[in-house]
Amino acid sequence: MSTLSTHVLDTNRGRPASGVPITLELQGGAGEWKELARGVTNDDGRVRDFLPQGSRVETGVYRMTFDTGAYFRALGVRGFYPSVTVLFELTAPDEHYHVPLLLSPFGYSTYRGS
């Protein structure tokens, strides 16, 4: 299993947000971004396998972009945020990192999960 995962919960509907496209990137030394993976949340609102089996994250600054506009359009809902970008820094590559997103059409929050 990847050492990096996410879970998106639609707090407006009180259920997991399935079908949310997500892009994962790593920031390079010159500040440029390198795409590492793309995923779409499953029926439980999760992406568990961002990286190939056996891969591990490295230290650095990561960017996870959630295409919330596509999610809300699929539901026929007009949202305020067309995407949500979460920047985070990984400092211990042997740890598991979980980046949850709590989402509604007019707000969101995130935290380091377990």
C-alpha atoms as a PDB file:
ATOM      1  CA  MET A   1       0.000   0.000   0.000  1.00  0.00           C
ATOM      2  CA  SER A   2       1.131   3.528  -0.704  1.00  0.00           C
ATOM      3  CA  THR A   3       2.397   5.591   2.195  1.00  0.00           C
ATOM      4  CA  LEU A   4       0.184   8.446   0.984  1.00  0.00           C
ATOM      5  CA  SER A   5      -3.611   8.338   0.852  1.00  0.00           C
ATOM      6  CA  THR A   6      -6.656  10.601   0.877  1.00  0.00           C
ATOM      7  CA  HIS A   7     -10.331  10.475   1.759  1.00  0.00           C
ATOM      8  CA  VAL A   8     -12.919  13.010   0.593  1.00  0.00           C
ATOM      9  CA  LEU A   9     -16.122  13.436   2.577  1.00  0.00           C
ATOM     10  CA  ASP A  10     -19.031  15.509   1.289  1.00  0.00           C
ATOM     11  CA  THR A  11     -20.213  17.154   4.502  1.00  0.00           C
ATOM     12  CA  ASN A  12     -23.214  18.692   2.735  1.00  0.00           C
ATOM     13  CA  ARG A  13     -24.564  15.275   1.753  1.00  0.00           C
ATOM     14  CA  GLY A  14     -23.193  13.407   4.768  1.00  0.00           C
ATOM     15  CA  ARG A  15     -21.416  10.755   2.690  1.00  0.00           C
ATOM     16  CA  PRO A  16     -18.144   9.958   0.916  1.00  0.00           C
ATOM     17  CA  ALA A  17     -17.441  11.976  -2.221  1.00  0.00           C
ATOM     18  CA  SER A  18     -16.937   9.405  -4.968  1.00  0.00           C
ATOM     19  CA  GLY A  19     -15.652  10.335  -8.412  1.00  0.00           C
ATOM     20  CA  VAL A  20     -13.403  13.253  -7.387  1.00  0.00           C
ATOM     21  CA  PRO A  21     -10.393  13.488  -9.748  1.00  0.00           C
ATOM     22  CA  ILE A  22      -7.135  14.175  -7.876  1.00  0.00           C
ATOM     23  CA  THR A  23      -3.625  15.023  -9.063  1.00  0.00           C
ATOM     24  CA  LEU A  24      -0.533  14.484  -6.895  1.00  0.00           C
ATOM     25  CA  GLU A  25       2.648  16.482  -7.563  1.00  0.00           C
ATOM     26  CA  LEU A  26       6.070  16.904  -5.952  1.00  0.00           C
ATOM     27  CA  GLN A  27       7.920  20.212  -5.914  1.00  0.00           C
ATOM     28  CA  GLY A  28      11.425  20.125  -7.373  1.00  0.00           C
ATOM     29  CA  GLY A  29      14.482  21.982  -6.143  1.00  0.00           C
ATOM     30  CA  ALA A  30      13.919  24.902  -8.531  1.00  0.00           C
ATOM     31  CA  GLY A  31      10.277  25.241  -7.472  1.00  0.00           C
ATOM     32  CA  GLU A  32       8.828  23.413 -10.481  1.00  0.00           C
ATOM     33  CA  TRP A  33       6.090  20.793 -10.019  1.00  0.00           C
ATOM     34  CA  LYS A  34       6.390  17.193 -11.217  1.00  0.00           C
ATOM     35  CA  GLU A  35       3.231  15.145 -11.576  1.00  0.00           C
ATOM     36  CA  LEU A  36       3.536  11.838  -9.734  1.00  0.00           C
ATOM     37  CA  ALA A  37       0.063  10.385 -10.068  1.00  0.00           C
ATOM     38  CA  ARG A  38      -3.592  10.871 -10.830  1.00  0.00           C
ATOM     39  CA  GLY A  39      -6.502   9.154  -9.179  1.00  0.00           C
ATOM     40  CA  VAL A  40     -10.253   9.266  -8.727  1.00  0.00           C
ATOM     41  CA  THR A  41     -11.960   8.662  -5.406  1.00  0.00           C
ATOM     42  CA  ASN A  42     -13.763   5.327  -5.133  1.00  0.00           C
ATOM     43  CA  ASP A  43     -17.277   4.701  -3.766  1.00  0.00           C
ATOM     44  CA  ASP A  44     -15.920   5.214  -0.264  1.00  0.00           C
ATOM     45  CA  GLY A  45     -14.344   8.570  -1.250  1.00  0.00           C
ATOM     46  CA  ARG A  46     -10.806   7.187  -1.033  1.00  0.00           C
ATOM     47  CA  VAL A  47      -7.674   6.936  -3.143  1.00  0.00           C
ATOM     48  CA  ARG A  48      -5.372   4.417  -1.536  1.00  0.00           C
ATOM     49  CA  ASP A  49      -2.958   3.685  -4.369  1.00  0.00           C
ATOM     50  CA  PHE A  50      -1.476   6.970  -5.564  1.00  0.00           C
ATOM     51  CA  LEU A  51       1.941   5.420  -6.003  1.00  0.00           C
ATOM     52  CA  PRO A  52       2.842   2.031  -7.514  1.00  0.00           C
ATOM     53  CA  GLN A  53       2.861  -0.953  -5.148  1.00  0.00           C
ATOM     54  CA  GLY A  54       5.990  -0.900  -2.998  1.00  0.00           C
ATOM     55  CA  SER A  55       6.790   2.768  -3.739  1.00  0.00           C
ATOM     56  CA  ARG A  56       7.483   5.126  -0.897  1.00  0.00           C
ATOM     57  CA  VAL A  57       7.180   8.870  -0.666  1.00  0.00           C
ATOM     58  CA  GLU A  58      10.284  10.987  -0.321  1.00  0.00           C
ATOM     59  CA  THR A  59      10.793  14.081   1.791  1.00  0.00           C
ATOM     60  CA  GLY A  60       9.616  17.278   0.165  1.00  0.00           C
ATOM     61  CA  VAL A  61       6.682  19.543  -0.568  1.00  0.00           C
ATOM     62  CA  TYR A  62       3.688  17.952  -2.246  1.00  0.00           C
ATOM     63  CA  ARG A  63       0.609  19.368  -3.914  1.00  0.00           C
ATOM     64  CA  MET A  64      -2.672  17.464  -4.057  1.00  0.00           C
ATOM     65  CA  THR A  65      -5.288  19.079  -6.302  1.00  0.00           C
ATOM     66  CA  PHE A  66      -8.904  17.985  -5.983  1.00  0.00           C
ATOM     67  CA  ASP A  67     -11.136  18.714  -9.007  1.00  0.00           C
ATOM     68  CA  THR A  68     -14.142  19.686  -6.916  1.00  0.00           C
ATOM     69  CA  GLY A  69     -15.768  21.445  -9.873  1.00  0.00           C
ATOM     70  CA  ALA A  70     -16.063  18.156 -11.784  1.00  0.00           C
ATOM     71  CA  TYR A  71     -17.498  16.472  -8.691  1.00  0.00           C
ATOM     72  CA  PHE A  72     -20.180  19.112  -8.109  1.00  0.00           C
ATOM     73  CA  ARG A  73     -21.068  19.350 -11.815  1.00  0.00           C
ATOM     74  CA  ALA A  74     -21.660  15.583 -11.852  1.00  0.00           C
ATOM     75  CA  LEU A  75     -24.112  16.070  -8.973  1.00  0.00           C
ATOM     76  CA  GLY A  76     -25.812  19.016 -10.677  1.00  0.00           C
ATOM     77  CA  VAL A  77     -24.680  21.317  -7.874  1.00  0.00           C
ATOM     78  CA  ARG A  78     -23.114  24.725  -8.295  1.00  0.00           C
ATOM     79  CA  GLY A  79     -20.076  25.036  -6.047  1.00  0.00           C
ATOM     80  CA  PHE A  80     -17.954  28.060  -5.190  1.00  0.00           C
ATOM     81  CA  TYR A  81     -14.526  26.382  -5.413  1.00  0.00           C
ATOM     82  CA  PRO A  82     -13.723  24.810  -8.825  1.00  0.00           C
ATOM     83  CA  SER A  83     -10.715  23.081  -7.285  1.00  0.00           C
ATOM     84  CA  VAL A  84      -9.034  22.665  -3.924  1.00  0.00           C
ATOM     85  CA  THR A  85      -5.255  22.584  -3.690  1.00  0.00           C
ATOM     86  CA  VAL A  86      -3.582  21.269  -0.570  1.00  0.00           C
ATOM     87  CA  LEU A  87       0.155  21.852  -0.104  1.00  0.00           C
ATOM     88  CA  PHE A  88       1.927  19.777   2.522  1.00  0.00           C
ATOM     89  CA  GLU A  89       5.466  18.834   3.490  1.00  0.00           C
ATOM     90  CA  LEU A  90       6.565  15.278   4.176  1.00  0.00           C
ATOM     91  CA  THR A  91       9.556  15.026   6.473  1.00  0.00           C
ATOM     92  CA  ALA A  92       9.609  11.343   7.478  1.00  0.00           C
ATOM     93  CA  PRO A  93       9.300   9.029   4.458  1.00  0.00           C
ATOM     94  CA  ASP A  94       8.818   5.950   6.655  1.00  0.00           C
ATOM     95  CA  GLU A  95       5.545   7.272   8.071  1.00  0.00           C
ATOM     96  CA  HIS A  96       2.089   6.896   6.543  1.00  0.00           C
ATOM     97  CA  TYR A  97       0.529  10.180   5.441  1.00  0.00           C
ATOM     98  CA  HIS A  98      -3.217  10.599   5.048  1.00  0.00           C
ATOM     99  CA  VAL A  99      -4.619  13.869   3.658  1.00  0.00           C
ATOM    100  CA  PRO A 100      -8.415  13.998   4.138  1.00  0.00           C
ATOM    101  CA  LEU A 101     -10.648  16.664   2.610  1.00  0.00           C
ATOM    102  CA  LEU A 102     -13.983  17.671   4.122  1.00  0.00           C
ATOM    103  CA  LEU A 103     -15.985  19.268   1.338  1.00  0.00           C
ATOM    104  CA  SER A 104     -19.191  21.206   0.765  1.00  0.00           C
ATOM    105  CA  PRO A 105     -20.224  23.453  -2.147  1.00  0.00           C
ATOM    106  CA  PHE A 106     -19.165  26.585  -0.246  1.00  0.00           C
ATOM    107  CA  GLY A 107     -16.348  25.472   2.023  1.00  0.00           C
ATOM    108  CA  TYR A 108     -13.698  22.880   2.773  1.00  0.00           C
ATOM    109  CA  SER A 109     -11.176  21.874   5.398  1.00  0.00           C
ATOM    110  CA  THR A 110      -8.288  19.456   5.628  1.00  0.00           C
ATOM    111  CA  TYR A 111      -5.943  18.039   8.242  1.00  0.00           C
ATOM    112  CA  ARG A 112      -3.268  15.400   8.640  1.00  0.00           C
ATOM    113  CA  GLY A 113      -5.116  12.165   9.219  1.00  0.00           C
ATOM    114  CA  SER A 114      -3.900   8.789  10.365  1.00  0.00           C
END
